[in-house]
Amino acid sequence: MNLPADFICSVRAQLGEETEPFLAALAQDAPVSIRLNPFKRQRSPLTFLHPAERVPWSEQGYYLEERPSFTFDPLFHAGYYYVQEASSMFIEHVVRKLVSTPVTCLDLCAAPGGKSVGLLSALPAGSLLVSNEVVRQRANVLSETLIKFGHPNTVVTQNSAKDFAAFPGLFDLILVDAPCSGEGMFRKDEVAVQEWSPQNVKMCAARQKDILGDVWPALRPGGLLVYSTCTYNGEENEENARWTASQLGALFTRVAVDADWNITPSRDGEAGGYHFYPHKVKGEGLFVTVLQKPEAEQSEAYFHPKKNRKQPAVFIKNPADYAALITNPESFYLMESGDHIMALPKVHAETIVALMHHLKCLSAGIDLGEKKGKDFIPAHALAMSINLNREAFRSYEVTYEQAIAYLRKEAITLAGVPRGMVLLTWQKEPLGFVKNIGNRANNLYPNEWRIRSGYLPDKKPEILAPGQPVHPTE
């Protein structure tokens, strides 16, 4: 790897005699890690086929010995796990240590979604997560990630940071995983190396300040803002943290960290924060610091969903036909949005509707399906939901070859299955819906999510399967 000379000088100023081990680590292959979906594990307790090492700061993170063909594992597409870099799983640890009651949380720069699914794993039950991405294409990927994860207490938006100023004090917790110069991704992304320059670092640092300033009003007094980057330099990390303290009044909050994890505390004692260096941890570069908004000395304007809605929500008065599609239907309001039927968790329905009316929402709650004339076409999001009522549909367990054909959005044939909507499963985990018409089944898998490769591996990826557990190593 041909690293920029200015970058090496910057690292040498930070690490001193540790520079050479750091550079040697960048020349090695990056570790492979995945995050299991705890909610789907409760439903289908699949186990590792081979020993897997735990990511020490994550309850659901595991290292794999090698990188399998995730694309050709149906469980990956079913949202049973997510491929996530291990260092970034530290956000889960931060949340578990600092948040103990249900909150309304914003993941501001959330694509492609790894930290959002980590937040969902760590937030107390009953919390609401709003995951946002300003870039349209990346926002669509984020929405796919959250739909596959299947948790109903989520909203995916495509907005700029300043748009959230319309919700003063709404969020108890905000994660700003800021767009950065990408130094921590150098051994995984050659483009990041090519695009790096001192000028780009300064540009990123300035943009990060803008983002922090724009979203700060949306954080409630006393609330927490977790600021992270995948860089090493002080301009994008400690200097921006100190700027937030001096310009916005933020206070620094510490997090308990096990010394055995080899996470490096910031050398800037004032700014706090934690660095992940690849020669010391089994992961990529990361910086994290936690900021708290001071408690208000006087009353501030807060966002009240009922008072700020532009129009009333259209909730279904007689929801019995659709309520049978989900488990615990008494916990949801059913709502019509155009031809789509949505299930919104009652405890957060007012807030979600307000978000839908003020922001560009790509998904919210559970999309149950679409009315087409006299027919109702169930949404793929319903198949992915942890609240899917399987008893509402006929199920058909597919072979591996059928699963891949389905995920390529090819027509498949189901033997001995009556006509109508059928839920396909792989290893008992839902894959999605087809409409069986007799001689073949119409494939309802989202076209934009399909596997585009015509290649089929000689053997299916061996990561998780039913059977006796192979205990992970600690």
Protein backbone atom coordinates (compact mmCIF):
# COMPACT_ATOMS: atom_id res chain seq x y z
CA MET A 1 0.00 0.00 0.00
CA ASN A 2 1.46 3.33 -1.10
CA LEU A 3 0.42 5.71 1.68
CA PRO A 4 0.66 9.50 1.29
CA ALA A 5 3.78 10.97 2.90
CA ASP A 6 1.73 13.65 4.69
CA PHE A 7 -0.47 10.97 6.23
CA ILE A 8 2.56 9.07 7.52
CA CYS A 9 3.92 12.29 9.05
CA SER A 10 0.57 12.90 10.73
CA VAL A 11 0.52 9.38 12.18
CA ARG A 12 4.12 9.65 13.34
CA ALA A 13 3.24 12.81 15.28
CA GLN A 14 0.45 10.90 17.02
CA LEU A 15 2.02 7.50 17.60
CA GLY A 16 5.76 8.09 17.75
CA GLU A 17 7.54 4.75 18.18
CA GLU A 18 4.28 2.89 17.50
CA THR A 19 4.23 4.17 13.91
CA GLU A 20 6.03 1.19 12.39
CA PRO A 21 3.76 -1.45 14.00
CA PHE A 22 0.79 0.66 12.89
CA LEU A 23 2.00 0.79 9.27
CA ALA A 24 2.74 -2.95 9.35
CA ALA A 25 -0.84 -3.61 10.49
CA LEU A 26 -2.19 -1.60 7.54
CA ALA A 27 -0.33 -3.97 5.20
CA GLN A 28 -2.23 -6.97 6.59
CA ASP A 29 -5.66 -8.23 5.58
CA ALA A 30 -8.56 -6.70 7.44
CA PRO A 31 -10.39 -9.02 9.88
CA VAL A 32 -13.87 -10.26 8.95
CA SER A 33 -16.71 -9.79 11.41
CA ILE A 34 -20.48 -10.01 11.50
CA ARG A 35 -23.23 -8.82 13.81
CA LEU A 36 -26.03 -11.30 14.57
CA ASN A 37 -29.62 -10.07 14.73
CA PRO A 38 -30.66 -10.86 18.33
CA PHE A 39 -34.37 -10.53 17.57
CA LYS A 40 -34.31 -13.12 14.79
CA ARG A 41 -32.04 -15.39 16.83
CA GLN A 42 -34.79 -15.54 19.44
CA ARG A 43 -37.15 -16.76 16.73
CA SER A 44 -34.78 -19.13 14.90
CA PRO A 45 -31.84 -20.07 17.15
CA LEU A 46 -29.28 -20.92 14.45
CA THR A 47 -25.73 -21.62 15.57
CA PHE A 48 -22.21 -21.25 14.18
CA LEU A 49 -20.94 -24.16 12.09
CA HIS A 50 -17.36 -23.30 13.06
CA PRO A 51 -15.88 -21.72 16.20
CA ALA A 52 -16.25 -17.95 16.15
CA GLU A 53 -14.39 -15.43 18.28
CA ARG A 54 -16.48 -12.82 20.08
CA VAL A 55 -15.84 -9.15 19.42
CA PRO A 56 -15.08 -8.22 23.04
CA TRP A 57 -17.03 -4.93 23.16
CA SER A 58 -20.13 -6.33 21.45
CA GLU A 59 -22.74 -8.83 22.64
CA GLN A 60 -23.71 -9.78 19.07
CA GLY A 61 -20.41 -9.32 17.19
CA TYR A 62 -18.22 -12.22 16.03
CA TYR A 63 -15.04 -12.60 14.01
CA LEU A 64 -14.96 -15.17 11.20
CA GLU A 65 -11.81 -17.03 10.26
CA GLU A 66 -12.24 -16.16 6.59
CA ARG A 67 -14.53 -14.14 4.36
CA PRO A 68 -17.27 -16.37 2.85
CA SER A 69 -19.43 -15.41 -0.14
CA PHE A 70 -22.01 -13.49 1.88
CA THR A 71 -23.91 -12.69 -1.31
CA PHE A 72 -24.79 -16.37 -1.68
CA ASP A 73 -25.92 -16.95 1.90
CA PRO A 74 -29.74 -16.71 2.08
CA LEU A 75 -29.53 -15.91 5.81
CA PHE A 76 -27.64 -12.72 4.99
CA HIS A 77 -30.51 -11.58 2.75
CA ALA A 78 -33.01 -12.64 5.41
CA GLY A 79 -31.48 -10.16 7.86
CA TYR A 80 -30.26 -12.83 10.24
CA TYR A 81 -26.88 -11.10 10.44
CA TYR A 82 -25.10 -8.04 9.09
CA VAL A 83 -21.49 -7.80 7.92
CA GLN A 84 -20.01 -5.07 10.11
CA GLU A 85 -16.49 -3.91 10.85
CA ALA A 86 -15.60 -4.81 14.45
CA SER A 87 -14.32 -1.46 15.75
CA SER A 88 -17.57 0.28 14.80
CA MET A 89 -19.45 -2.14 17.07
CA PHE A 90 -18.05 -0.13 20.00
CA ILE A 91 -21.06 2.20 19.64
CA GLU A 92 -23.15 -0.66 21.04
CA HIS A 93 -20.97 -0.73 24.17
CA VAL A 94 -21.28 3.05 24.61
CA VAL A 95 -25.07 2.88 24.45
CA ARG A 96 -25.34 -0.06 26.84
CA LYS A 97 -23.22 1.78 29.40
CA LEU A 98 -24.93 5.18 29.18
CA VAL A 99 -28.58 4.52 28.24
CA SER A 100 -30.84 2.57 30.59
CA THR A 101 -34.39 3.74 29.80
CA PRO A 102 -36.30 3.95 26.47
CA VAL A 103 -35.20 6.87 24.30
CA THR A 104 -35.87 8.53 20.98
CA CYS A 105 -32.60 8.17 19.07
CA LEU A 106 -31.31 9.71 15.83
CA ASP A 107 -28.56 8.08 13.77
CA LEU A 108 -27.85 11.11 11.61
CA CYS A 109 -25.29 9.86 9.05
CA ALA A 110 -26.45 6.27 9.10
CA ALA A 111 -25.76 4.61 5.71
CA PRO A 112 -25.14 1.81 5.05
CA GLY A 113 -26.73 0.90 8.38
CA GLY A 114 -24.27 -1.08 10.49
CA LYS A 115 -24.31 1.32 13.41
CA SER A 116 -28.11 1.57 13.20
CA VAL A 117 -28.56 -2.17 13.65
CA GLY A 118 -26.02 -1.97 16.47
CA LEU A 119 -28.11 0.74 18.11
CA LEU A 120 -31.25 -1.38 17.78
CA SER A 121 -29.43 -4.23 19.51
CA ALA A 122 -28.32 -2.01 22.40
CA LEU A 123 -31.14 0.48 22.99
CA PRO A 124 -33.56 -0.35 25.82
CA ALA A 125 -36.81 -1.99 24.74
CA GLY A 126 -39.42 0.55 23.71
CA SER A 127 -36.95 2.99 22.14
CA LEU A 128 -37.49 4.60 18.73
CA LEU A 129 -34.64 4.84 16.20
CA VAL A 130 -34.64 7.37 13.36
CA SER A 131 -31.95 6.50 10.82
CA ASN A 132 -31.07 9.22 8.34
CA GLU A 133 -28.90 9.59 5.24
CA VAL A 134 -28.84 12.68 3.04
CA VAL A 135 -27.56 10.99 -0.17
CA ARG A 136 -30.44 9.28 -2.00
CA GLN A 137 -28.64 6.16 -3.21
CA ARG A 138 -27.06 5.57 0.20
CA ALA A 139 -30.41 6.24 1.89
CA ASN A 140 -31.97 3.46 -0.18
CA VAL A 141 -29.25 1.07 1.00
CA LEU A 142 -29.90 2.19 4.58
CA SER A 143 -33.61 1.50 4.19
CA GLU A 144 -32.84 -1.99 2.85
CA THR A 145 -30.61 -2.71 5.85
CA LEU A 146 -33.24 -1.62 8.37
CA ILE A 147 -36.08 -3.45 6.60
CA LYS A 148 -34.08 -6.68 6.60
CA PHE A 149 -33.23 -6.24 10.28
CA GLY A 150 -36.99 -6.29 10.84
CA HIS A 151 -37.48 -4.15 13.96
CA PRO A 152 -40.73 -2.13 13.93
CA ASN A 153 -39.54 0.84 16.04
CA THR A 154 -37.65 2.45 13.18
CA VAL A 155 -37.96 5.30 10.71
CA VAL A 156 -35.62 5.86 7.75
CA THR A 157 -35.31 9.39 6.42
CA GLN A 158 -33.38 11.17 3.67
CA ASN A 159 -32.65 14.65 4.94
CA SER A 160 -29.85 17.09 5.74
CA ALA A 161 -28.77 17.70 9.33
CA LYS A 162 -30.33 21.16 9.42
CA ASP A 163 -33.78 19.69 8.63
CA PHE A 164 -33.85 18.20 12.12
CA ALA A 165 -33.83 21.67 13.68
CA ALA A 166 -37.59 21.49 13.05
CA PHE A 167 -37.68 19.00 15.98
CA PRO A 168 -36.18 20.98 18.89
CA GLY A 169 -35.31 18.75 21.82
CA LEU A 170 -36.95 15.67 20.32
CA PHE A 171 -33.99 13.29 20.57
CA ASP A 172 -32.55 11.91 23.79
CA LEU A 173 -29.60 10.39 21.94
CA ILE A 174 -27.96 11.37 18.65
CA LEU A 175 -25.19 9.47 16.87
CA VAL A 176 -23.14 11.53 14.43
CA ASP A 177 -20.88 9.08 12.61
CA ALA A 178 -19.57 11.93 10.52
CA PRO A 179 -18.49 11.75 6.88
CA CYS A 180 -14.70 11.91 7.08
CA SER A 181 -11.42 11.51 5.22
CA GLY A 182 -11.60 7.73 5.73
CA GLU A 183 -8.10 7.11 7.10
CA GLY A 184 -9.38 4.21 9.17
CA MET A 185 -10.56 2.41 6.02
CA PHE A 186 -7.25 2.56 4.13
CA ARG A 187 -6.56 -1.19 4.13
CA LYS A 188 -10.12 -1.92 2.96
CA ASP A 189 -10.61 0.90 0.46
CA GLU A 190 -7.88 1.87 -2.00
CA VAL A 191 -10.01 4.79 -3.21
CA ALA A 192 -9.83 6.32 0.29
CA VAL A 193 -6.03 6.25 0.03
CA GLN A 194 -6.07 7.88 -3.39
CA GLU A 195 -8.47 10.65 -2.33
CA TRP A 196 -6.69 11.53 0.92
CA SER A 197 -4.93 14.87 1.23
CA PRO A 198 -4.36 17.47 3.98
CA GLN A 199 -6.82 19.71 2.14
CA ASN A 200 -9.47 16.98 2.21
CA VAL A 201 -8.93 16.54 5.95
CA LYS A 202 -9.54 20.28 6.50
CA MET A 203 -12.64 20.18 4.27
CA CYS A 204 -14.04 17.20 6.19
CA ALA A 205 -13.33 18.84 9.55
CA ALA A 206 -15.22 21.98 8.50
CA ARG A 207 -18.16 19.96 7.22
CA GLN A 208 -18.29 17.98 10.46
CA LYS A 209 -18.57 21.21 12.46
CA ASP A 210 -21.48 22.27 10.24
CA ILE A 211 -23.23 18.95 10.84
CA LEU A 212 -22.75 19.13 14.61
CA GLY A 213 -24.01 22.70 14.74
CA ASP A 214 -27.01 21.96 12.54
CA VAL A 215 -28.25 18.95 14.53
CA TRP A 216 -27.49 20.27 18.03
CA PRO A 217 -30.92 21.97 18.47
CA ALA A 218 -32.64 18.59 17.98
CA LEU A 219 -30.91 17.15 21.07
CA ARG A 220 -32.85 17.59 24.30
CA PRO A 221 -31.15 19.29 27.25
CA GLY A 222 -29.35 16.58 29.18
CA GLY A 223 -29.26 14.36 26.08
CA LEU A 224 -26.18 12.61 24.70
CA LEU A 225 -24.47 13.04 21.33
CA VAL A 226 -22.03 10.30 20.31
CA TYR A 227 -19.52 11.67 17.79
CA SER A 228 -17.44 9.24 15.76
CA THR A 229 -15.23 9.13 12.68
CA CYS A 230 -13.15 6.47 10.95
CA THR A 231 -10.04 8.67 11.01
CA TYR A 232 -6.96 9.08 13.19
CA ASN A 233 -6.14 12.80 12.84
CA GLY A 234 -6.87 15.35 15.53
CA GLU A 235 -8.49 17.91 13.22
CA GLU A 236 -11.50 15.69 12.57
CA ASN A 237 -11.55 14.21 16.05
CA GLU A 238 -10.34 16.01 19.20
CA GLU A 239 -10.39 19.48 17.65
CA ASN A 240 -14.01 19.10 16.57
CA ALA A 241 -14.91 17.72 20.00
CA ARG A 242 -13.34 20.76 21.68
CA TRP A 243 -15.13 23.04 19.20
CA THR A 244 -18.47 21.47 20.17
CA ALA A 245 -17.67 22.13 23.81
CA SER A 246 -16.57 25.73 23.32
CA GLN A 247 -19.16 26.80 20.72
CA LEU A 248 -22.19 24.70 21.68
CA GLY A 249 -21.59 24.24 25.38
CA ALA A 250 -21.20 20.45 25.24
CA LEU A 251 -19.88 18.53 28.23
CA PHE A 252 -17.69 15.43 27.87
CA THR A 253 -18.90 12.09 29.18
CA ARG A 254 -16.65 9.12 29.90
CA VAL A 255 -17.37 5.45 29.21
CA ALA A 256 -15.94 2.52 31.14
CA VAL A 257 -13.60 0.48 28.90
CA ASP A 258 -11.88 -2.82 29.69
CA ALA A 259 -8.10 -2.41 29.58
CA ASP A 260 -7.73 -5.79 27.88
CA TRP A 261 -9.47 -4.40 24.78
CA ASN A 262 -6.40 -2.25 23.95
CA ILE A 263 -8.53 0.75 23.04
CA THR A 264 -6.40 3.90 23.24
CA PRO A 265 -7.73 6.84 25.26
CA SER A 266 -7.34 10.18 23.55
CA ARG A 267 -4.06 11.92 24.30
CA ASP A 268 -6.11 15.08 24.66
CA GLY A 269 -7.37 14.69 28.21
CA GLU A 270 -9.76 17.63 27.85
CA ALA A 271 -11.58 16.30 24.77
CA GLY A 272 -11.79 12.73 25.96
CA GLY A 273 -12.53 10.07 23.41
CA TYR A 274 -11.27 6.68 22.35
CA HIS A 275 -9.07 5.64 19.42
CA PHE A 276 -9.00 2.25 17.71
CA TYR A 277 -5.67 1.49 16.01
CA PRO A 278 -5.30 -1.68 13.90
CA HIS A 279 -1.96 -2.64 15.48
CA LYS A 280 -3.65 -2.77 18.89
CA VAL A 281 -7.20 -3.97 18.23
CA LYS A 282 -8.65 -6.50 15.82
CA GLY A 283 -10.46 -3.93 13.73
CA GLU A 284 -10.18 -0.77 11.65
CA GLY A 285 -9.54 2.83 12.62
CA LEU A 286 -12.19 4.60 14.71
CA PHE A 287 -12.53 7.58 17.02
CA VAL A 288 -15.46 7.96 19.44
CA THR A 289 -16.30 10.62 21.99
CA VAL A 290 -19.50 11.28 23.96
CA LEU A 291 -20.90 14.78 24.45
CA GLN A 292 -23.75 15.85 26.69
CA LYS A 293 -26.01 18.85 26.22
CA PRO A 294 -26.28 20.81 29.48
CA GLU A 295 -29.60 20.77 31.25
CA ALA A 296 -31.63 23.84 30.32
CA GLU A 297 -31.52 26.69 32.84
CA GLN A 298 -34.84 27.90 31.53
CA SER A 299 -37.67 26.36 29.54
CA GLU A 300 -36.92 25.72 25.87
CA ALA A 301 -39.15 25.10 22.89
CA TYR A 302 -39.79 21.39 22.46
CA PHE A 303 -41.29 19.56 19.54
CA HIS A 304 -44.77 18.28 20.40
CA PRO A 305 -46.00 15.89 17.66
CA LYS A 306 -49.72 16.53 18.26
CA LYS A 307 -49.31 20.31 18.05
CA ASN A 308 -47.00 20.29 15.04
CA ARG A 309 -48.64 17.83 12.68
CA LYS A 310 -49.53 19.34 9.33
CA GLN A 311 -52.50 16.98 8.93
CA PRO A 312 -54.07 14.15 10.92
CA ALA A 313 -52.93 10.60 10.30
CA VAL A 314 -55.31 8.31 8.44
CA PHE A 315 -55.59 5.39 10.83
CA ILE A 316 -57.72 2.42 9.81
CA LYS A 317 -60.90 2.20 11.89
CA ASN A 318 -61.55 -1.50 11.22
CA PRO A 319 -58.10 -3.08 11.07
CA ALA A 320 -59.06 -6.72 11.69
CA ASP A 321 -58.20 -7.93 8.16
CA TYR A 322 -54.66 -6.61 8.41
CA ALA A 323 -54.07 -7.05 12.14
CA ALA A 324 -53.92 -10.82 11.62
CA LEU A 325 -50.71 -10.36 9.58
CA ILE A 326 -48.61 -9.42 12.60
CA THR A 327 -48.01 -10.65 16.10
CA ASN A 328 -49.06 -8.43 19.03
CA PRO A 329 -51.40 -6.36 16.82
CA GLU A 330 -52.75 -4.59 19.90
CA SER A 331 -49.38 -2.76 20.11
CA PHE A 332 -49.82 -1.13 16.69
CA TYR A 333 -51.97 1.41 14.90
CA LEU A 334 -52.72 0.50 11.30
CA MET A 335 -52.46 3.40 8.88
CA GLU A 336 -53.16 3.95 5.20
CA SER A 337 -50.55 5.78 3.14
CA GLY A 338 -51.75 5.85 -0.44
CA ASP A 339 -52.42 2.24 -1.35
CA HIS A 340 -50.06 0.95 1.33
CA ILE A 341 -51.05 -0.33 4.75
CA MET A 342 -48.57 0.39 7.54
CA ALA A 343 -48.33 -0.73 11.15
CA LEU A 344 -46.93 1.91 13.51
CA PRO A 345 -46.04 1.09 17.12
CA LYS A 346 -48.63 2.87 19.27
CA VAL A 347 -46.12 4.23 21.75
CA HIS A 348 -44.35 6.16 18.96
CA ALA A 349 -47.13 6.66 16.42
CA GLU A 350 -47.59 10.40 16.96
CA THR A 351 -43.87 11.06 16.64
CA ILE A 352 -43.55 8.86 13.54
CA VAL A 353 -46.47 10.59 11.83
CA ALA A 354 -44.94 13.98 12.61
CA LEU A 355 -41.64 12.84 11.12
CA MET A 356 -43.43 11.58 8.02
CA HIS A 357 -45.09 14.98 7.53
CA HIS A 358 -41.94 17.07 8.03
CA LEU A 359 -39.24 14.89 6.48
CA LYS A 360 -38.67 12.65 3.51
CA CYS A 361 -39.39 9.22 4.99
CA LEU A 362 -38.37 6.11 3.05
CA SER A 363 -39.77 3.61 5.54
CA ALA A 364 -41.46 3.62 8.94
CA GLY A 365 -42.83 0.96 11.25
CA ILE A 366 -43.90 -2.11 9.26
CA ASP A 367 -45.01 -1.84 5.64
CA LEU A 368 -47.66 -4.58 5.54
CA GLY A 369 -48.44 -4.42 1.84
CA GLU A 370 -50.30 -2.75 -0.98
CA LYS A 371 -53.92 -2.81 -2.08
CA LYS A 372 -54.28 -3.52 -5.80
CA GLY A 373 -57.94 -3.58 -6.73
CA LYS A 374 -59.48 -6.43 -4.79
CA ASP A 375 -56.09 -7.99 -4.09
CA PHE A 376 -53.67 -7.34 -1.26
CA ILE A 377 -49.98 -7.85 -2.04
CA PRO A 378 -47.92 -8.37 1.11
CA ALA A 379 -44.77 -6.25 1.32
CA HIS A 380 -41.32 -7.76 1.55
CA ALA A 381 -40.90 -5.71 4.72
CA LEU A 382 -43.64 -7.83 6.31
CA ALA A 383 -41.71 -11.02 5.52
CA MET A 384 -38.60 -9.49 7.11
CA SER A 385 -40.40 -8.18 10.19
CA ILE A 386 -39.84 -9.81 13.55
CA ASN A 387 -43.58 -9.23 14.05
CA LEU A 388 -44.62 -11.33 11.06
CA ASN A 389 -47.43 -13.73 11.94
CA ARG A 390 -46.36 -16.82 10.03
CA GLU A 391 -49.72 -18.45 10.64
CA ALA A 392 -51.30 -15.92 8.28
CA PHE A 393 -49.56 -17.49 5.25
CA ARG A 394 -48.75 -20.87 3.80
CA SER A 395 -45.04 -21.56 4.20
CA TYR A 396 -42.69 -23.47 1.91
CA GLU A 397 -39.13 -24.43 2.87
CA VAL A 398 -36.97 -24.03 -0.23
CA THR A 399 -33.79 -25.82 -1.24
CA TYR A 400 -30.56 -23.86 -1.44
CA GLU A 401 -30.82 -23.68 -5.24
CA GLN A 402 -34.40 -22.43 -5.00
CA ALA A 403 -33.38 -19.83 -2.41
CA ILE A 404 -30.70 -18.38 -4.69
CA ALA A 405 -33.08 -18.42 -7.66
CA TYR A 406 -35.64 -16.54 -5.58
CA LEU A 407 -33.04 -13.98 -4.48
CA ARG A 408 -32.16 -13.47 -8.15
CA LYS A 409 -35.86 -12.75 -8.69
CA GLU A 410 -36.29 -15.73 -10.99
CA ALA A 411 -39.54 -17.66 -11.31
CA ILE A 412 -39.58 -20.86 -9.29
CA THR A 413 -41.89 -23.88 -9.11
CA LEU A 414 -43.40 -25.07 -5.83
CA ALA A 415 -44.44 -28.70 -5.73
CA GLY A 416 -47.81 -29.55 -4.16
CA VAL A 417 -48.60 -26.02 -2.95
CA PRO A 418 -52.08 -24.50 -3.44
CA ARG A 419 -52.46 -21.29 -5.39
CA GLY A 420 -52.11 -17.99 -3.59
CA MET A 421 -49.58 -16.12 -1.49
CA VAL A 422 -46.80 -18.29 -0.07
CA LEU A 423 -44.07 -17.39 2.39
CA LEU A 424 -40.74 -18.93 1.42
CA THR A 425 -38.35 -19.93 4.19
CA TRP A 426 -34.73 -21.08 4.31
CA GLN A 427 -33.64 -22.93 7.45
CA LYS A 428 -37.02 -21.82 8.83
CA GLU A 429 -36.12 -18.13 8.46
CA PRO A 430 -38.46 -16.13 6.15
CA LEU A 431 -36.98 -15.11 2.78
CA GLY A 432 -40.01 -13.41 1.22
CA PHE A 433 -43.25 -13.93 -0.66
CA VAL A 434 -44.29 -15.48 -3.96
CA LYS A 435 -47.71 -15.73 -5.56
CA ASN A 436 -48.18 -19.33 -6.62
CA ILE A 437 -50.25 -19.55 -9.82
CA GLY A 438 -49.94 -23.28 -10.41
CA ASN A 439 -47.29 -24.01 -13.02
CA ARG A 440 -44.94 -21.44 -11.48
CA ALA A 441 -44.73 -18.85 -8.72
CA ASN A 442 -44.52 -15.12 -9.39
CA ASN A 443 -41.50 -13.78 -7.53
CA LEU A 444 -42.29 -10.80 -5.25
CA TYR A 445 -38.70 -10.15 -4.13
CA PRO A 446 -37.73 -6.44 -4.52
CA ASN A 447 -36.14 -6.05 -7.93
CA GLU A 448 -33.54 -3.53 -6.73
CA TRP A 449 -32.29 -5.97 -4.07
CA ARG A 450 -31.83 -9.00 -6.32
CA ILE A 451 -28.55 -10.90 -6.65
CA ARG A 452 -27.20 -9.80 -10.01
CA SER A 453 -24.38 -12.34 -10.27
CA GLY A 454 -25.08 -15.48 -12.29
CA TYR A 455 -22.28 -17.29 -10.47
CA LEU A 456 -23.16 -20.06 -8.02
CA PRO A 457 -20.46 -21.22 -5.57
CA ASP A 458 -19.46 -24.88 -5.53
CA LYS A 459 -20.82 -25.11 -1.99
CA LYS A 460 -23.08 -22.84 -0.02
CA PRO A 461 -21.47 -20.57 2.57
CA GLU A 462 -21.15 -22.34 5.91
CA ILE A 463 -21.68 -19.77 8.65
CA LEU A 464 -24.87 -20.58 10.57
CA ALA A 465 -27.21 -23.56 10.61
CA PRO A 466 -29.62 -25.45 12.89
CA GLY A 467 -28.11 -28.02 15.17
CA GLN A 468 -25.84 -28.38 18.18
CA PRO A 469 -24.17 -25.06 18.97
CA VAL A 470 -20.48 -24.54 18.31
CA HIS A 471 -19.62 -22.31 21.25
CA PRO A 472 -17.95 -19.04 20.34
CA THR A 473 -14.60 -18.31 21.90
CA GLU A 474 -14.43 -15.40 24.30
